[in-house]
């Protein structure tokens, strides 16, 4: 089932547009952030079903943002897929070892991205009673 909210944290406008257009065309709702800091605030407020996180961002990088998201009760359960131009096997291992729920290389493969998004959201829905996290009051990150 589509319709879930996906947060895209991406500083490249063309990559953002591609991911947004693909997700919206396939029935997802989309929230957007151009920086990790903005993405964390949006994630805390809106609690998306999934976050697509660029790794190389201005200011805070995606791995650091991911670690911060895991510290907040309202975002620690949200699956995060890394988006990166680093396609080396060692990069993939480092990113997945950090705890990301998936890994997508750029340029984005539309079919693979959609398959990964669907798989990760379905896995989360099966793991969580009712398919959604318990409603906790959203807070601003410190």
C-alpha atoms as a PDB file:
ATOM      1  CA  UNK A   1       0.000   0.000   0.000  1.00  0.00           C
ATOM      2  CA  UNK A   2       1.384   3.405  -0.924  1.00  0.00           C
ATOM      3  CA  UNK A   3       0.399   6.734   0.610  1.00  0.00           C
ATOM      4  CA  UNK A   4       3.029   6.621   3.336  1.00  0.00           C
ATOM      5  CA  UNK A   5       5.125   9.715   4.044  1.00  0.00           C
ATOM      6  CA  UNK A   6       8.739   9.509   2.891  1.00  0.00           C
ATOM      7  CA  UNK A   7      11.219  12.192   3.959  1.00  0.00           C
ATOM      8  CA  UNK A   8      13.953  12.885   1.404  1.00  0.00           C
ATOM      9  CA  UNK A   9      17.085  14.561   2.776  1.00  0.00           C
ATOM     10  CA  UNK A  10      19.096  15.562  -0.295  1.00  0.00           C
ATOM     11  CA  UNK A  11      21.057  18.720  -1.153  1.00  0.00           C
ATOM     12  CA  UNK A  12      21.199  18.179  -4.918  1.00  0.00           C
ATOM     13  CA  UNK A  13      18.056  19.664  -6.535  1.00  0.00           C
ATOM     14  CA  UNK A  14      18.110  17.222  -9.483  1.00  0.00           C
ATOM     15  CA  UNK A  15      18.421  14.165  -7.236  1.00  0.00           C
ATOM     16  CA  UNK A  16      15.678  15.579  -4.994  1.00  0.00           C
ATOM     17  CA  UNK A  17      13.370  16.112  -7.978  1.00  0.00           C
ATOM     18  CA  UNK A  18      13.954  12.607  -9.329  1.00  0.00           C
ATOM     19  CA  UNK A  19      13.297  10.909  -5.983  1.00  0.00           C
ATOM     20  CA  UNK A  20      10.272  13.124  -5.270  1.00  0.00           C
ATOM     21  CA  UNK A  21       8.731  12.632  -8.705  1.00  0.00           C
ATOM     22  CA  UNK A  22       9.198   8.855  -8.619  1.00  0.00           C
ATOM     23  CA  UNK A  23       7.715   8.531  -5.140  1.00  0.00           C
ATOM     24  CA  UNK A  24       4.774  10.867  -5.772  1.00  0.00           C
ATOM     25  CA  UNK A  25       3.993   9.147  -9.090  1.00  0.00           C
ATOM     26  CA  UNK A  26       3.850   5.859  -7.177  1.00  0.00           C
ATOM     27  CA  UNK A  27       1.447   7.202  -4.546  1.00  0.00           C
ATOM     28  CA  UNK A  28       3.737   8.205  -1.703  1.00  0.00           C
ATOM     29  CA  UNK A  29       3.576  11.490   0.158  1.00  0.00           C
ATOM     30  CA  UNK A  30       6.896  13.329   0.297  1.00  0.00           C
ATOM     31  CA  UNK A  31       8.549  15.772   2.682  1.00  0.00           C
ATOM     32  CA  UNK A  32      11.847  17.383   1.677  1.00  0.00           C
ATOM     33  CA  UNK A  33      14.921  18.716   3.444  1.00  0.00           C
ATOM     34  CA  UNK A  34      18.106  20.122   1.917  1.00  0.00           C
ATOM     35  CA  UNK A  35      20.227  19.693   5.074  1.00  0.00           C
ATOM     36  CA  UNK A  36      20.578  17.034   7.745  1.00  0.00           C
ATOM     37  CA  UNK A  37      19.626  19.517  10.442  1.00  0.00           C
ATOM     38  CA  UNK A  38      16.385  20.403   8.647  1.00  0.00           C
ATOM     39  CA  UNK A  39      15.701  16.706   8.050  1.00  0.00           C
ATOM     40  CA  UNK A  40      15.998  15.906  11.750  1.00  0.00           C
ATOM     41  CA  UNK A  41      13.489  18.632  12.652  1.00  0.00           C
ATOM     42  CA  UNK A  42      11.014  17.430  10.007  1.00  0.00           C
ATOM     43  CA  UNK A  43      11.437  13.798  11.081  1.00  0.00           C
ATOM     44  CA  UNK A  44      10.709  14.687  14.717  1.00  0.00           C
ATOM     45  CA  UNK A  45       7.617  16.690  13.795  1.00  0.00           C
ATOM     46  CA  UNK A  46       6.113  14.469  11.075  1.00  0.00           C
ATOM     47  CA  UNK A  47       7.427  10.978  11.895  1.00  0.00           C
ATOM     48  CA  UNK A  48       7.648   9.688   8.305  1.00  0.00           C
ATOM     49  CA  UNK A  49       7.368   6.004   7.435  1.00  0.00           C
ATOM     50  CA  UNK A  50      10.846   6.154   5.881  1.00  0.00           C
ATOM     51  CA  UNK A  51      13.762   8.543   5.407  1.00  0.00           C
ATOM     52  CA  UNK A  52      15.983   8.652   2.313  1.00  0.00           C
ATOM     53  CA  UNK A  53      19.214  10.214   3.614  1.00  0.00           C
ATOM     54  CA  UNK A  54      21.994  11.554   1.413  1.00  0.00           C
ATOM     55  CA  UNK A  55      25.357  10.800   3.005  1.00  0.00           C
ATOM     56  CA  UNK A  56      27.334  13.794   1.743  1.00  0.00           C
ATOM     57  CA  UNK A  57      25.404  16.850   2.901  1.00  0.00           C
ATOM     58  CA  UNK A  58      26.538  20.403   3.689  1.00  0.00           C
ATOM     59  CA  UNK A  59      27.137  20.859   7.400  1.00  0.00           C
ATOM     60  CA  UNK A  60      26.196  17.660   9.204  1.00  0.00           C
ATOM     61  CA  UNK A  61      26.717  14.511   7.119  1.00  0.00           C
ATOM     62  CA  UNK A  62      24.095  11.797   6.707  1.00  0.00           C
ATOM     63  CA  UNK A  63      25.780   9.269   9.000  1.00  0.00           C
ATOM     64  CA  UNK A  64      25.902  11.776  11.869  1.00  0.00           C
ATOM     65  CA  UNK A  65      22.264  12.724  11.217  1.00  0.00           C
ATOM     66  CA  UNK A  66      21.303   9.046  11.258  1.00  0.00           C
ATOM     67  CA  UNK A  67      22.989   8.588  14.637  1.00  0.00           C
ATOM     68  CA  UNK A  68      21.111  11.609  16.019  1.00  0.00           C
ATOM     69  CA  UNK A  69      17.794  10.263  14.712  1.00  0.00           C
ATOM     70  CA  UNK A  70      18.435   7.052  16.636  1.00  0.00           C
ATOM     71  CA  UNK A  71      18.757   9.055  19.874  1.00  0.00           C
ATOM     72  CA  UNK A  72      15.221  10.537  19.804  1.00  0.00           C
ATOM     73  CA  UNK A  73      12.321   8.316  20.923  1.00  0.00           C
ATOM     74  CA  UNK A  74      10.058   9.728  18.201  1.00  0.00           C
ATOM     75  CA  UNK A  75      12.526   8.920  15.383  1.00  0.00           C
ATOM     76  CA  UNK A  76      14.537   5.915  16.563  1.00  0.00           C
ATOM     77  CA  UNK A  77      12.080   3.489  14.936  1.00  0.00           C
ATOM     78  CA  UNK A  78      12.030   5.202  11.509  1.00  0.00           C
ATOM     79  CA  UNK A  79      13.894   3.206   8.859  1.00  0.00           C
ATOM     80  CA  UNK A  80      16.589   5.161   7.015  1.00  0.00           C
ATOM     81  CA  UNK A  81      17.965   4.319   3.579  1.00  0.00           C
ATOM     82  CA  UNK A  82      21.333   5.849   2.694  1.00  0.00           C
ATOM     83  CA  UNK A  83      21.640   7.608  -0.673  1.00  0.00           C
ATOM     84  CA  UNK A  84      25.206   8.004  -1.828  1.00  0.00           C
ATOM     85  CA  UNK A  85      27.442   8.397  -4.833  1.00  0.00           C
ATOM     86  CA  UNK A  86      29.972   6.155  -3.027  1.00  0.00           C
ATOM     87  CA  UNK A  87      29.457   2.823  -4.728  1.00  0.00           C
ATOM     88  CA  UNK A  88      32.536   1.007  -3.417  1.00  0.00           C
ATOM     89  CA  UNK A  89      31.921  -2.251  -1.546  1.00  0.00           C
ATOM     90  CA  UNK A  90      33.785  -0.913   1.491  1.00  0.00           C
ATOM     91  CA  UNK A  91      31.561   2.206   1.553  1.00  0.00           C
ATOM     92  CA  UNK A  92      28.451   0.025   1.481  1.00  0.00           C
ATOM     93  CA  UNK A  93      29.766  -2.083   4.370  1.00  0.00           C
ATOM     94  CA  UNK A  94      30.575   1.003   6.457  1.00  0.00           C
ATOM     95  CA  UNK A  95      27.129   2.525   5.847  1.00  0.00           C
ATOM     96  CA  UNK A  96      25.249  -0.678   6.613  1.00  0.00           C
ATOM     97  CA  UNK A  97      27.450  -1.316   9.672  1.00  0.00           C
ATOM     98  CA  UNK A  98      26.363   2.115  10.965  1.00  0.00           C
ATOM     99  CA  UNK A  99      22.839   0.682  11.092  1.00  0.00           C
ATOM    100  CA  UNK A 100      21.119   2.070   7.998  1.00  0.00           C
ATOM    101  CA  UNK A 101      18.174  -0.018   6.818  1.00  0.00           C
ATOM    102  CA  UNK A 102      19.234   0.100   3.188  1.00  0.00           C
ATOM    103  CA  UNK A 103      21.666   1.574   0.719  1.00  0.00           C
ATOM    104  CA  UNK A 104      21.023   3.148  -2.691  1.00  0.00           C
ATOM    105  CA  UNK A 105      23.734   4.416  -5.007  1.00  0.00           C
ATOM    106  CA  UNK A 106      23.526   7.429  -7.271  1.00  0.00           C
ATOM    107  CA  UNK A 107      22.602   7.819  -9.970  1.00  0.00           C
ATOM    108  CA  UNK A 108      19.364   6.401  -8.603  1.00  0.00           C
ATOM    109  CA  UNK A 109      17.868   3.327 -10.254  1.00  0.00           C
ATOM    110  CA  UNK A 110      14.137   4.078 -10.217  1.00  0.00           C
ATOM    111  CA  UNK A 111      13.062   0.436 -10.069  1.00  0.00           C
ATOM    112  CA  UNK A 112      15.591  -0.490  -7.382  1.00  0.00           C
ATOM    113  CA  UNK A 113      14.700   2.573  -5.286  1.00  0.00           C
ATOM    114  CA  UNK A 114      10.985   1.735  -5.416  1.00  0.00           C
ATOM    115  CA  UNK A 115      11.641  -1.908  -4.565  1.00  0.00           C
ATOM    116  CA  UNK A 116      13.828  -0.915  -1.607  1.00  0.00           C
ATOM    117  CA  UNK A 117      11.335   1.684  -0.328  1.00  0.00           C
ATOM    118  CA  UNK A 118       8.459  -0.813  -0.516  1.00  0.00           C
ATOM    119  CA  UNK A 119      10.471  -3.607   1.131  1.00  0.00           C
ATOM    120  CA  UNK A 120      11.662  -1.431   4.012  1.00  0.00           C
ATOM    121  CA  UNK A 121       8.216   0.093   4.652  1.00  0.00           C
ATOM    122  CA  UNK A 122       6.550  -3.355   4.520  1.00  0.00           C
ATOM    123  CA  UNK A 123       9.155  -4.762   6.921  1.00  0.00           C
ATOM    124  CA  UNK A 124       8.486  -1.899   9.350  1.00  0.00           C
ATOM    125  CA  UNK A 125       4.710  -2.383   9.101  1.00  0.00           C
ATOM    126  CA  UNK A 126       5.039  -6.097   9.928  1.00  0.00           C
ATOM    127  CA  UNK A 127       7.343  -5.384  12.868  1.00  0.00           C
ATOM    128  CA  UNK A 128       5.078  -2.719  14.375  1.00  0.00           C
ATOM    129  CA  UNK A 129       1.574  -3.565  15.631  1.00  0.00           C
ATOM    130  CA  UNK A 130      -0.927  -1.659  13.523  1.00  0.00           C
ATOM    131  CA  UNK A 131       1.826  -0.816  11.011  1.00  0.00           C
ATOM    132  CA  UNK A 132       2.731   2.469  12.640  1.00  0.00           C
ATOM    133  CA  UNK A 133       4.727   3.598  15.641  1.00  0.00           C
ATOM    134  CA  UNK A 134       2.998   4.374  18.883  1.00  0.00           C
ATOM    135  CA  UNK A 135       1.924   7.980  18.984  1.00  0.00           C
ATOM    136  CA  UNK A 136       4.452   9.882  21.037  1.00  0.00           C
ATOM    137  CA  UNK A 137       4.329  13.649  21.244  1.00  0.00           C
ATOM    138  CA  UNK A 138       6.670  15.209  18.696  1.00  0.00           C
ATOM    139  CA  UNK A 139       9.446  17.320  20.161  1.00  0.00           C
ATOM    140  CA  UNK A 140      12.026  19.644  18.733  1.00  0.00           C
ATOM    141  CA  UNK A 141      15.490  18.085  18.784  1.00  0.00           C
ATOM    142  CA  UNK A 142      17.920  19.746  21.172  1.00  0.00           C
END
